[in-house]
Amino acid sequence: MSDDNKTNDISDGLDDSTIQFNLDRPALRFRVGRLIVTQSDGTRFERTIDLPHVRIGSAPNNDVTVFDGSVSRYHCELRHTDDGFLIRDLGSTNGTVVGGLRVKEALIQDEILIHLGRSNIRFVPGKEETRVDPSMDVRFGSLWGRSQGMREIFGILQKVAATDLTLTVQGETGTGKDLVARALHDASPRSDGPFVVFDAGAVASNLIESELFGHEKGAFTGATEQRQGAFERADGGTLFIDEIGELALELQPKLLRALEQREVQRVGGSKRIPVDVRVVCATNRSLVDEVKKGRFRDDLFFRISVVVLVLPPLRDRREDIQLLADAFLRSGTPPMSAAPDAVSVLQNYDWPGNVRELRNVIDTARAMCNAEVLHAKDLIFAHERDISVQKEGAMSLAGKTLETIERAAIAQTLAHFGGNRSAAARALGIAPSTLYLKLKKYGIG
């Protein structure tokens, strides 16, 4: 047990297996446990831990709510690990006492009494293990896949959608991390609330704090009026923090406090503002490596890695390509289908831009093709390598509108640079702001 005020350094023991669900076995395994809660007024209730992580406190949106004024709003959390259950204090006022010792973090392997303020909880760890098996569905929101890996991911998403568990999605550019966040929000009880996207990689470093937490009028040069940050705008809903690995080290403690205390403080302000937000993070980096290199705080990593999903690249799930292509073709106007020669070309391409590139290739071909059936000759790729089926004939630009040709050029260039908008703008000879407006105009992801 640890009774100091510093989060234990966990980076030395980190490897990919500690946070990623092994797709060679049923996804998301964890032990169950039982909490017997006796509140300060003598009332008693029991809760079974049926998730890999539970948060305990007096606020009503905790997984376990203790109605006791001496218990902090977000008092502590319990998490399943391979070595037992880890209890962690969340900066509570009266502390978390385990076995008579006030702790910041402690590993529990046997039945023990936990004191939170004037209430106590007897924790009984279970010996049995529960698991989440692959879904029988081939779709979750806008995500499609019949491959084993994707159906395992769907199974996890269906399990955690109804909770407020923090989720981190890892994967290459274009694999659909943003679609996971949106689908999770839409399937959750928060679906009527706002869905706010904050891209840490697209905001200037000196503006990130203001964009996340807001600012008061006059807080800095140019702050001519009060402004809500992403956390406040997402109150009652979901905040999707994209490219969290890009977040500057000095800002990470403030994000950690917002996640643990569920409150924010605007730049230049003194008031703490409570927020009720479910957070989903995404990155194309290995956060394990970032922690080891000292570029990402281990305590923040611990906080956001409650559930971690790793989206496979499209080249590793080729059985999903036809399903995805059919879905994209059917969703347009008019609906289209793919001929066998087109399907063969699509399945034999390596898709360096992943699902985003597939979507752009399909959308470009739809715009350039006048038939109801898409053939191999209608497909245009940003990367022409590794196509084992030769396409007959070149697509003619004659008779195509300038907008159609421009859209195709932008989609191909963006895919060629792996979704990097700055690089695509330079290659196209236009300003990044102009490219952004054209992407919105043409609906290019």
Protein backbone atom coordinates (compact mmCIF):
# COMPACT_ATOMS: atom_id res chain seq x y z
CA MET A 1 0.00 0.00 0.00
CA SER A 2 1.07 3.57 -0.56
CA ASP A 3 0.14 6.44 1.75
CA ASP A 4 2.08 9.19 0.03
CA ASN A 5 0.53 11.92 -2.10
CA LYS A 6 2.24 11.02 -5.36
CA THR A 7 0.75 8.59 -7.81
CA ASN A 8 2.95 5.51 -8.08
CA ASP A 9 5.17 5.40 -11.16
CA ILE A 10 3.69 2.59 -13.23
CA SER A 11 5.67 3.20 -16.40
CA ASP A 12 8.34 0.55 -15.72
CA GLY A 13 5.73 -2.20 -15.78
CA LEU A 14 3.90 -1.03 -18.86
CA ASP A 15 3.71 -2.95 -22.09
CA ASP A 16 1.06 -3.17 -24.74
CA SER A 17 -0.57 -6.20 -23.09
CA THR A 18 -1.40 -4.20 -19.97
CA ILE A 19 -3.92 -2.02 -21.76
CA GLN A 20 -4.86 -3.64 -25.04
CA PHE A 21 -7.39 -6.40 -25.31
CA ASN A 22 -5.85 -9.44 -26.95
CA LEU A 23 -7.90 -10.10 -30.06
CA ASP A 24 -6.86 -13.78 -30.07
CA ARG A 25 -9.19 -14.43 -27.12
CA PRO A 26 -12.63 -13.21 -26.08
CA ALA A 27 -12.35 -9.48 -25.43
CA LEU A 28 -12.57 -7.74 -22.06
CA ARG A 29 -12.14 -10.24 -19.23
CA PHE A 30 -12.34 -9.09 -15.62
CA ARG A 31 -13.12 -10.42 -12.15
CA VAL A 32 -16.26 -9.43 -10.32
CA GLY A 33 -16.58 -8.33 -6.72
CA ARG A 34 -19.11 -7.20 -4.16
CA LEU A 35 -19.43 -3.95 -2.19
CA ILE A 36 -21.38 -3.90 1.09
CA VAL A 37 -21.95 -0.21 1.87
CA THR A 38 -22.95 1.06 5.33
CA GLN A 39 -23.72 4.80 5.19
CA SER A 40 -23.24 7.19 8.11
CA ASP A 41 -26.98 7.11 8.92
CA GLY A 42 -26.87 3.33 9.31
CA THR A 43 -28.57 2.45 6.02
CA ARG A 44 -27.00 -0.44 4.15
CA PHE A 45 -26.95 -1.65 0.55
CA GLU A 46 -24.93 -3.97 -1.69
CA ARG A 47 -23.56 -3.58 -5.18
CA THR A 48 -21.96 -6.13 -7.49
CA ILE A 49 -19.03 -4.95 -9.56
CA ASP A 50 -19.90 -6.02 -13.09
CA LEU A 51 -17.53 -3.66 -14.91
CA PRO A 52 -13.71 -3.43 -15.00
CA HIS A 53 -13.89 -0.04 -13.26
CA VAL A 54 -16.28 1.64 -10.82
CA ARG A 55 -16.25 5.16 -9.38
CA ILE A 56 -17.55 5.77 -5.84
CA GLY A 57 -18.70 9.06 -4.30
CA SER A 58 -21.66 11.15 -3.21
CA ALA A 59 -22.49 12.58 -6.67
CA PRO A 60 -25.45 10.83 -8.32
CA ASN A 61 -23.56 10.03 -11.55
CA ASN A 62 -21.08 7.72 -9.79
CA ASP A 63 -21.28 3.98 -10.42
CA VAL A 64 -21.81 3.62 -6.65
CA THR A 65 -23.38 6.61 -4.90
CA VAL A 66 -22.92 6.98 -1.13
CA PHE A 67 -25.34 9.50 0.41
CA ASP A 68 -23.08 10.98 3.06
CA GLY A 69 -21.90 14.58 3.39
CA SER A 70 -18.48 13.41 4.59
CA VAL A 71 -17.92 11.55 1.29
CA SER A 72 -16.53 13.62 -1.58
CA ARG A 73 -18.48 13.93 -4.82
CA TYR A 74 -15.93 11.73 -6.59
CA HIS A 75 -14.18 10.00 -3.73
CA CYS A 76 -12.35 6.95 -5.07
CA GLU A 77 -12.34 4.34 -7.81
CA LEU A 78 -11.88 0.57 -8.00
CA ARG A 79 -10.32 -1.07 -11.01
CA HIS A 80 -9.69 -4.68 -11.94
CA THR A 81 -6.05 -5.56 -12.73
CA ASP A 82 -4.25 -8.82 -13.40
CA ASP A 83 -2.86 -8.68 -9.84
CA GLY A 84 -6.10 -7.92 -8.03
CA PHE A 85 -8.31 -4.88 -7.48
CA LEU A 86 -6.68 -1.46 -7.33
CA ILE A 87 -8.35 1.22 -5.21
CA ARG A 88 -7.35 4.81 -5.87
CA ASP A 89 -8.32 7.97 -3.99
CA LEU A 90 -9.50 10.79 -6.26
CA GLY A 91 -8.27 13.69 -4.14
CA SER A 92 -11.08 13.33 -1.59
CA THR A 93 -11.38 15.73 1.35
CA ASN A 94 -11.49 13.10 4.12
CA GLY A 95 -9.34 10.50 2.43
CA THR A 96 -9.73 6.81 1.65
CA VAL A 97 -8.79 4.49 4.52
CA VAL A 98 -8.05 0.85 3.68
CA GLY A 99 -7.34 -1.58 6.49
CA GLY A 100 -6.72 1.31 8.88
CA LEU A 101 -4.27 3.16 6.61
CA ARG A 102 -5.05 6.28 4.62
CA VAL A 103 -3.93 5.56 1.07
CA LYS A 104 -3.57 7.24 -2.28
CA GLU A 105 -3.46 3.92 -4.07
CA ALA A 106 -3.58 0.33 -2.84
CA LEU A 107 -3.82 -3.18 -4.28
CA ILE A 108 -6.56 -5.32 -2.72
CA GLN A 109 -6.48 -9.09 -3.03
CA ASP A 110 -8.57 -10.16 -0.04
CA GLU A 111 -11.76 -9.07 1.73
CA ILE A 112 -11.17 -5.76 3.52
CA LEU A 113 -12.95 -2.79 5.15
CA ILE A 114 -12.71 0.60 3.44
CA HIS A 115 -13.66 3.86 5.22
CA LEU A 116 -14.89 6.85 3.22
CA GLY A 117 -15.58 9.70 5.63
CA ARG A 118 -18.14 8.42 8.16
CA SER A 119 -19.32 5.60 5.89
CA ASN A 120 -17.65 2.28 5.35
CA ILE A 121 -17.56 -0.31 2.59
CA ARG A 122 -16.72 -3.96 2.98
CA PHE A 123 -15.16 -5.11 -0.23
CA VAL A 124 -15.41 -8.80 -1.12
CA PRO A 125 -13.36 -9.70 -4.23
CA GLY A 126 -14.91 -12.43 -6.33
CA LYS A 127 -13.03 -15.44 -7.63
CA GLU A 128 -15.10 -15.89 -10.76
CA GLU A 129 -14.33 -14.06 -13.99
CA THR A 130 -16.75 -12.44 -16.40
CA ARG A 131 -16.07 -11.60 -20.02
CA VAL A 132 -17.55 -9.82 -22.99
CA ASP A 133 -17.83 -12.05 -26.05
CA PRO A 134 -17.83 -10.93 -29.70
CA SER A 135 -21.05 -9.34 -30.90
CA MET A 136 -23.26 -11.19 -33.36
CA ASP A 137 -23.89 -7.87 -35.12
CA VAL A 138 -21.86 -6.63 -38.08
CA ARG A 139 -22.59 -2.99 -37.31
CA PHE A 140 -22.32 -0.59 -34.40
CA GLY A 141 -23.44 2.90 -35.33
CA SER A 142 -21.50 3.89 -38.45
CA LEU A 143 -18.93 1.15 -37.86
CA TRP A 144 -19.12 -1.98 -40.02
CA GLY A 145 -17.27 -5.28 -39.77
CA ARG A 146 -17.82 -9.02 -39.82
CA SER A 147 -14.21 -9.88 -38.90
CA GLN A 148 -13.53 -11.40 -35.48
CA GLY A 149 -11.57 -8.37 -34.31
CA MET A 150 -14.30 -5.88 -35.17
CA ARG A 151 -17.08 -7.99 -33.65
CA GLU A 152 -15.06 -8.19 -30.44
CA ILE A 153 -14.81 -4.41 -30.45
CA PHE A 154 -18.58 -4.17 -31.04
CA GLY A 155 -19.13 -6.47 -28.06
CA ILE A 156 -17.10 -4.18 -25.81
CA LEU A 157 -18.86 -1.05 -27.07
CA GLN A 158 -22.28 -2.60 -26.47
CA LYS A 159 -21.21 -3.45 -22.92
CA VAL A 160 -19.77 -0.06 -21.95
CA ALA A 161 -22.16 2.22 -23.88
CA ALA A 162 -24.56 2.52 -20.95
CA THR A 163 -21.75 3.48 -18.53
CA ASP A 164 -19.63 6.60 -18.06
CA LEU A 165 -16.36 4.68 -18.37
CA THR A 166 -13.56 6.65 -20.00
CA LEU A 167 -12.55 5.06 -23.27
CA THR A 168 -9.33 5.46 -25.25
CA VAL A 169 -9.26 4.39 -28.89
CA GLN A 170 -5.93 3.69 -30.57
CA GLY A 171 -5.27 3.00 -34.21
CA GLU A 172 -3.72 4.26 -37.41
CA THR A 173 -5.03 7.38 -39.14
CA GLY A 174 -8.29 6.65 -40.93
CA THR A 175 -9.31 3.55 -38.99
CA GLY A 176 -12.46 5.20 -37.61
CA LYS A 177 -11.56 6.38 -34.11
CA ASP A 178 -13.94 9.33 -34.42
CA LEU A 179 -16.72 6.98 -35.53
CA VAL A 180 -16.23 4.92 -32.36
CA ALA A 181 -16.68 8.02 -30.21
CA ARG A 182 -19.80 9.13 -32.08
CA ALA A 183 -21.34 5.65 -32.09
CA LEU A 184 -20.68 5.25 -28.37
CA HIS A 185 -22.35 8.58 -27.66
CA ASP A 186 -25.38 7.72 -29.79
CA ALA A 187 -25.81 4.36 -28.02
CA SER A 188 -25.48 5.87 -24.52
CA PRO A 189 -28.02 7.47 -22.16
CA ARG A 190 -26.28 10.76 -23.06
CA SER A 191 -27.39 10.61 -26.70
CA ASP A 192 -29.74 13.59 -26.25
CA GLY A 193 -26.85 15.66 -24.88
CA PRO A 194 -24.09 17.42 -26.83
CA PHE A 195 -21.27 15.63 -28.63
CA VAL A 196 -18.22 17.90 -28.62
CA VAL A 197 -14.99 17.23 -30.51
CA PHE A 198 -11.67 18.69 -29.34
CA ASP A 199 -8.69 17.99 -31.61
CA ALA A 200 -5.54 18.45 -29.54
CA GLY A 201 -3.41 18.15 -32.67
CA ALA A 202 -5.16 20.96 -34.53
CA VAL A 203 -5.10 23.70 -31.86
CA ALA A 204 -2.13 25.98 -31.24
CA SER A 205 -0.36 24.98 -28.02
CA ASN A 206 -0.92 28.38 -26.41
CA LEU A 207 -4.69 28.10 -26.97
CA ILE A 208 -5.31 24.51 -25.85
CA GLU A 209 -6.00 25.37 -22.20
CA SER A 210 -8.53 28.01 -23.20
CA GLU A 211 -10.17 25.72 -25.78
CA LEU A 212 -10.52 22.90 -23.24
CA PHE A 213 -11.47 24.82 -20.09
CA GLY A 214 -12.64 28.21 -21.36
CA HIS A 215 -11.49 31.68 -20.34
CA GLU A 216 -12.73 34.83 -18.66
CA LYS A 217 -12.85 38.21 -20.37
CA GLY A 218 -9.41 39.85 -20.20
CA ALA A 219 -7.64 36.63 -19.20
CA PHE A 220 -5.06 37.22 -21.94
CA THR A 221 -4.48 39.41 -24.97
CA GLY A 222 -7.35 38.89 -27.37
CA ALA A 223 -9.77 37.51 -24.74
CA THR A 224 -12.40 40.17 -25.40
CA GLU A 225 -15.27 38.15 -23.97
CA GLN A 226 -15.97 35.19 -21.68
CA ARG A 227 -15.87 31.85 -23.45
CA GLN A 228 -16.89 28.34 -22.50
CA GLY A 229 -14.39 25.56 -23.13
CA ALA A 230 -15.00 22.11 -24.59
CA PHE A 231 -15.76 20.60 -21.17
CA GLU A 232 -18.52 23.09 -20.43
CA ARG A 233 -20.01 22.80 -23.91
CA ALA A 234 -20.11 19.01 -23.51
CA ASP A 235 -21.90 19.14 -20.15
CA GLY A 236 -24.53 16.40 -20.05
CA GLY A 237 -23.02 14.70 -23.08
CA THR A 238 -19.76 13.34 -24.47
CA LEU A 239 -16.40 15.02 -25.03
CA PHE A 240 -14.22 13.42 -27.70
CA ILE A 241 -10.56 14.41 -27.26
CA ASP A 242 -8.82 13.50 -30.50
CA GLU A 243 -5.02 13.05 -30.69
CA ILE A 244 -4.63 13.22 -26.92
CA GLY A 245 -1.02 12.14 -27.35
CA GLU A 246 -0.31 15.63 -28.71
CA LEU A 247 -1.33 17.30 -25.44
CA ALA A 248 1.56 19.28 -23.91
CA LEU A 249 3.01 17.78 -20.73
CA GLU A 250 2.35 20.93 -18.68
CA LEU A 251 -1.39 20.80 -19.49
CA GLN A 252 -1.85 17.14 -18.61
CA PRO A 253 -2.26 17.68 -14.81
CA LYS A 254 -5.14 20.09 -15.48
CA LEU A 255 -6.86 17.55 -17.70
CA LEU A 256 -6.33 14.89 -15.02
CA ARG A 257 -7.98 17.10 -12.39
CA ALA A 258 -10.94 17.76 -14.67
CA LEU A 259 -11.41 14.02 -15.25
CA GLU A 260 -11.12 13.10 -11.58
CA GLN A 261 -12.98 15.99 -9.95
CA ARG A 262 -15.50 16.56 -12.75
CA GLU A 263 -14.99 20.31 -12.56
CA VAL A 264 -13.03 22.89 -14.53
CA GLN A 265 -11.58 26.32 -13.92
CA ARG A 266 -11.52 28.82 -16.77
CA VAL A 267 -8.29 30.58 -17.66
CA GLY A 268 -8.21 33.79 -15.64
CA GLY A 269 -11.04 32.63 -13.38
CA SER A 270 -11.19 31.49 -9.76
CA LYS A 271 -14.51 29.65 -9.75
CA ARG A 272 -14.61 25.87 -10.13
CA ILE A 273 -17.40 24.85 -12.49
CA PRO A 274 -18.88 21.33 -12.16
CA VAL A 275 -19.29 19.40 -15.41
CA ASP A 276 -21.03 16.11 -16.13
CA VAL A 277 -19.11 14.71 -19.10
CA ARG A 278 -18.28 11.30 -20.51
CA VAL A 279 -14.80 11.42 -22.09
CA VAL A 280 -13.59 9.41 -25.08
CA CYS A 281 -9.96 9.86 -26.17
CA ALA A 282 -8.19 8.86 -29.36
CA THR A 283 -4.59 8.66 -30.51
CA ASN A 284 -2.53 7.12 -33.29
CA ARG A 285 0.45 6.92 -30.92
CA SER A 286 1.35 4.22 -28.42
CA LEU A 287 0.66 5.92 -25.10
CA VAL A 288 2.62 3.16 -23.37
CA ASP A 289 5.73 4.27 -25.27
CA GLU A 290 4.92 7.92 -24.61
CA VAL A 291 4.78 7.23 -20.86
CA LYS A 292 8.09 5.38 -20.94
CA LYS A 293 9.70 8.29 -22.81
CA GLY A 294 8.39 10.81 -20.27
CA ARG A 295 6.13 12.59 -22.76
CA PHE A 296 2.84 11.46 -21.20
CA ARG A 297 2.05 11.39 -17.48
CA ASP A 298 1.53 7.95 -16.05
CA ASP A 299 -1.30 9.12 -13.77
CA LEU A 300 -3.23 10.59 -16.73
CA PHE A 301 -2.54 7.44 -18.73
CA PHE A 302 -3.94 5.40 -15.85
CA ARG A 303 -7.04 7.59 -15.73
CA ILE A 304 -7.93 7.42 -19.43
CA SER A 305 -7.01 3.76 -19.96
CA VAL A 306 -10.03 2.35 -18.15
CA VAL A 307 -11.05 0.69 -21.42
CA VAL A 308 -8.67 0.76 -24.39
CA LEU A 309 -9.67 -0.34 -27.87
CA VAL A 310 -7.15 -0.85 -30.66
CA LEU A 311 -8.74 -0.55 -34.10
CA PRO A 312 -7.09 -2.85 -36.64
CA PRO A 313 -5.90 -1.38 -39.96
CA LEU A 314 -8.07 -2.21 -42.95
CA ARG A 315 -5.32 -4.36 -44.52
CA ASP A 316 -5.63 -6.72 -41.53
CA ARG A 317 -9.38 -7.19 -41.96
CA ARG A 318 -9.84 -7.64 -45.69
CA GLU A 319 -13.03 -9.66 -45.15
CA ASP A 320 -14.65 -6.35 -44.12
CA ILE A 321 -13.77 -4.46 -47.31
CA GLN A 322 -16.74 -5.60 -49.42
CA LEU A 323 -19.12 -5.05 -46.50
CA LEU A 324 -17.82 -1.48 -46.07
CA ALA A 325 -17.86 -0.74 -49.81
CA ASP A 326 -21.43 -1.99 -50.12
CA ALA A 327 -22.49 0.15 -47.15
CA PHE A 328 -20.89 3.27 -48.68
CA LEU A 329 -22.42 2.59 -52.10
CA ARG A 330 -25.92 1.96 -50.71
CA SER A 331 -25.88 5.13 -48.60
CA GLY A 332 -25.48 7.45 -51.60
CA THR A 333 -28.03 8.82 -54.03
CA PRO A 334 -28.78 6.92 -56.13
CA PRO A 335 -27.74 3.64 -54.44
CA MET A 336 -25.04 1.75 -56.33
CA SER A 337 -23.42 -1.66 -56.25
CA ALA A 338 -19.90 -2.93 -56.95
CA ALA A 339 -19.15 -5.36 -59.78
CA PRO A 340 -16.93 -8.39 -59.01
CA ASP A 341 -13.93 -6.82 -60.77
CA ALA A 342 -14.22 -3.70 -58.59
CA VAL A 343 -14.52 -5.80 -55.42
CA SER A 344 -11.41 -7.75 -56.44
CA VAL A 345 -9.40 -4.54 -56.89
CA LEU A 346 -10.60 -3.15 -53.57
CA GLN A 347 -9.70 -6.34 -51.70
CA ASN A 348 -6.21 -6.49 -53.20
CA TYR A 349 -5.23 -2.92 -52.32
CA ASP A 350 -3.28 -2.23 -49.12
CA TRP A 351 -5.28 0.84 -47.99
CA PRO A 352 -2.57 2.95 -46.32
CA GLY A 353 -5.29 5.48 -45.51
CA ASN A 354 -7.54 2.74 -44.07
CA VAL A 355 -11.35 3.12 -43.99
CA ARG A 356 -11.18 6.85 -44.64
CA GLU A 357 -9.31 6.21 -47.90
CA LEU A 358 -11.81 3.50 -48.90
CA ARG A 359 -14.67 5.93 -48.30
CA ASN A 360 -12.95 8.62 -50.37
CA VAL A 361 -12.21 6.21 -53.25
CA ILE A 362 -15.85 5.07 -53.28
CA ASP A 363 -17.21 8.63 -53.08
CA THR A 364 -14.88 9.82 -55.84
CA ALA A 365 -15.81 6.90 -58.10
CA ARG A 366 -19.49 7.58 -57.47
CA ALA A 367 -19.05 11.20 -58.50
CA MET A 368 -17.16 10.26 -61.66
CA CYS A 369 -19.26 7.26 -62.72
CA ASN A 370 -22.57 7.59 -64.54
CA ALA A 371 -23.64 3.95 -64.15
CA GLU A 372 -25.48 2.14 -61.35
CA VAL A 373 -22.74 -0.49 -61.08
CA LEU A 374 -19.18 0.41 -60.14
CA HIS A 375 -16.38 -1.33 -62.09
CA ALA A 376 -12.64 -1.55 -61.58
CA LYS A 377 -12.00 1.03 -64.30
CA ASP A 378 -13.99 3.58 -62.29
CA LEU A 379 -11.65 3.45 -59.29
CA ILE A 380 -8.94 6.06 -58.73
CA PHE A 381 -6.30 5.45 -56.04
CA ALA A 382 -3.91 7.85 -54.40
CA HIS A 383 -1.40 4.99 -54.10
CA GLU A 384 -1.32 2.80 -57.22
CA ARG A 385 1.01 0.20 -55.75
CA ASP A 386 -0.03 -3.33 -54.77
CA ILE A 387 -3.08 -3.51 -57.06
CA SER A 388 -2.99 -7.04 -58.41
CA VAL A 389 -5.97 -6.61 -60.76
CA GLN A 390 -5.29 -4.34 -63.73
CA LYS A 391 -7.97 -1.82 -64.55
CA GLU A 392 -8.92 -1.53 -68.20
CA GLY A 393 -9.09 1.95 -69.61
CA ALA A 394 -8.54 5.30 -67.98
CA MET A 395 -11.31 7.35 -66.46
CA SER A 396 -12.11 10.32 -68.66
CA LEU A 397 -12.55 13.76 -67.17
CA ALA A 398 -14.51 14.95 -70.20
CA GLY A 399 -17.98 16.08 -69.30
CA LYS A 400 -17.24 16.20 -65.55
CA THR A 401 -17.93 19.39 -63.63
CA LEU A 402 -15.02 21.31 -62.16
CA GLU A 403 -16.42 20.66 -58.69
CA THR A 404 -16.42 16.91 -59.34
CA ILE A 405 -12.81 17.02 -60.54
CA GLU A 406 -11.77 19.23 -57.60
CA ARG A 407 -13.43 16.92 -55.11
CA ALA A 408 -11.62 13.92 -56.59
CA ALA A 409 -8.27 15.73 -56.47
CA ILE A 410 -8.74 16.76 -52.83
CA ALA A 411 -9.90 13.30 -51.73
CA GLN A 412 -6.94 11.57 -53.43
CA THR A 413 -4.39 14.06 -52.09
CA LEU A 414 -5.73 13.81 -48.55
CA ALA A 415 -5.62 10.01 -48.71
CA HIS A 416 -2.08 10.12 -50.18
CA PHE A 417 -0.86 12.05 -47.14
CA GLY A 418 -2.63 9.76 -44.67
CA GLY A 419 -5.19 12.37 -43.65
CA ASN A 420 -2.56 15.05 -42.89
CA ARG A 421 -4.43 18.21 -43.87
CA SER A 422 -1.42 20.54 -43.66
CA ALA A 423 0.60 18.36 -46.05
CA ALA A 424 -2.38 17.98 -48.40
CA ALA A 425 -2.92 21.75 -48.48
CA ARG A 426 0.74 22.35 -49.37
CA ALA A 427 0.61 19.75 -52.15
CA LEU A 428 -2.59 21.32 -53.56
CA GLY A 429 -1.11 24.82 -53.34
CA ILE A 430 -3.86 26.23 -51.12
CA ALA A 431 -4.04 27.53 -47.57
CA PRO A 432 -5.04 25.04 -44.81
CA SER A 433 -8.08 27.21 -44.04
CA THR A 434 -9.18 26.98 -47.68
CA LEU A 435 -8.74 23.21 -47.63
CA TYR A 436 -10.83 23.00 -44.45
CA LEU A 437 -13.68 24.90 -46.12
CA LYS A 438 -13.55 22.66 -49.19
CA LEU A 439 -13.54 19.52 -47.04
CA LYS A 440 -16.73 20.74 -45.38
CA LYS A 441 -18.22 21.70 -48.73
CA TYR A 442 -17.62 18.27 -50.27
CA GLY A 443 -18.24 16.24 -47.10
CA ILE A 444 -14.77 14.68 -47.17
CA GLY A 445 -13.75 13.11 -43.84
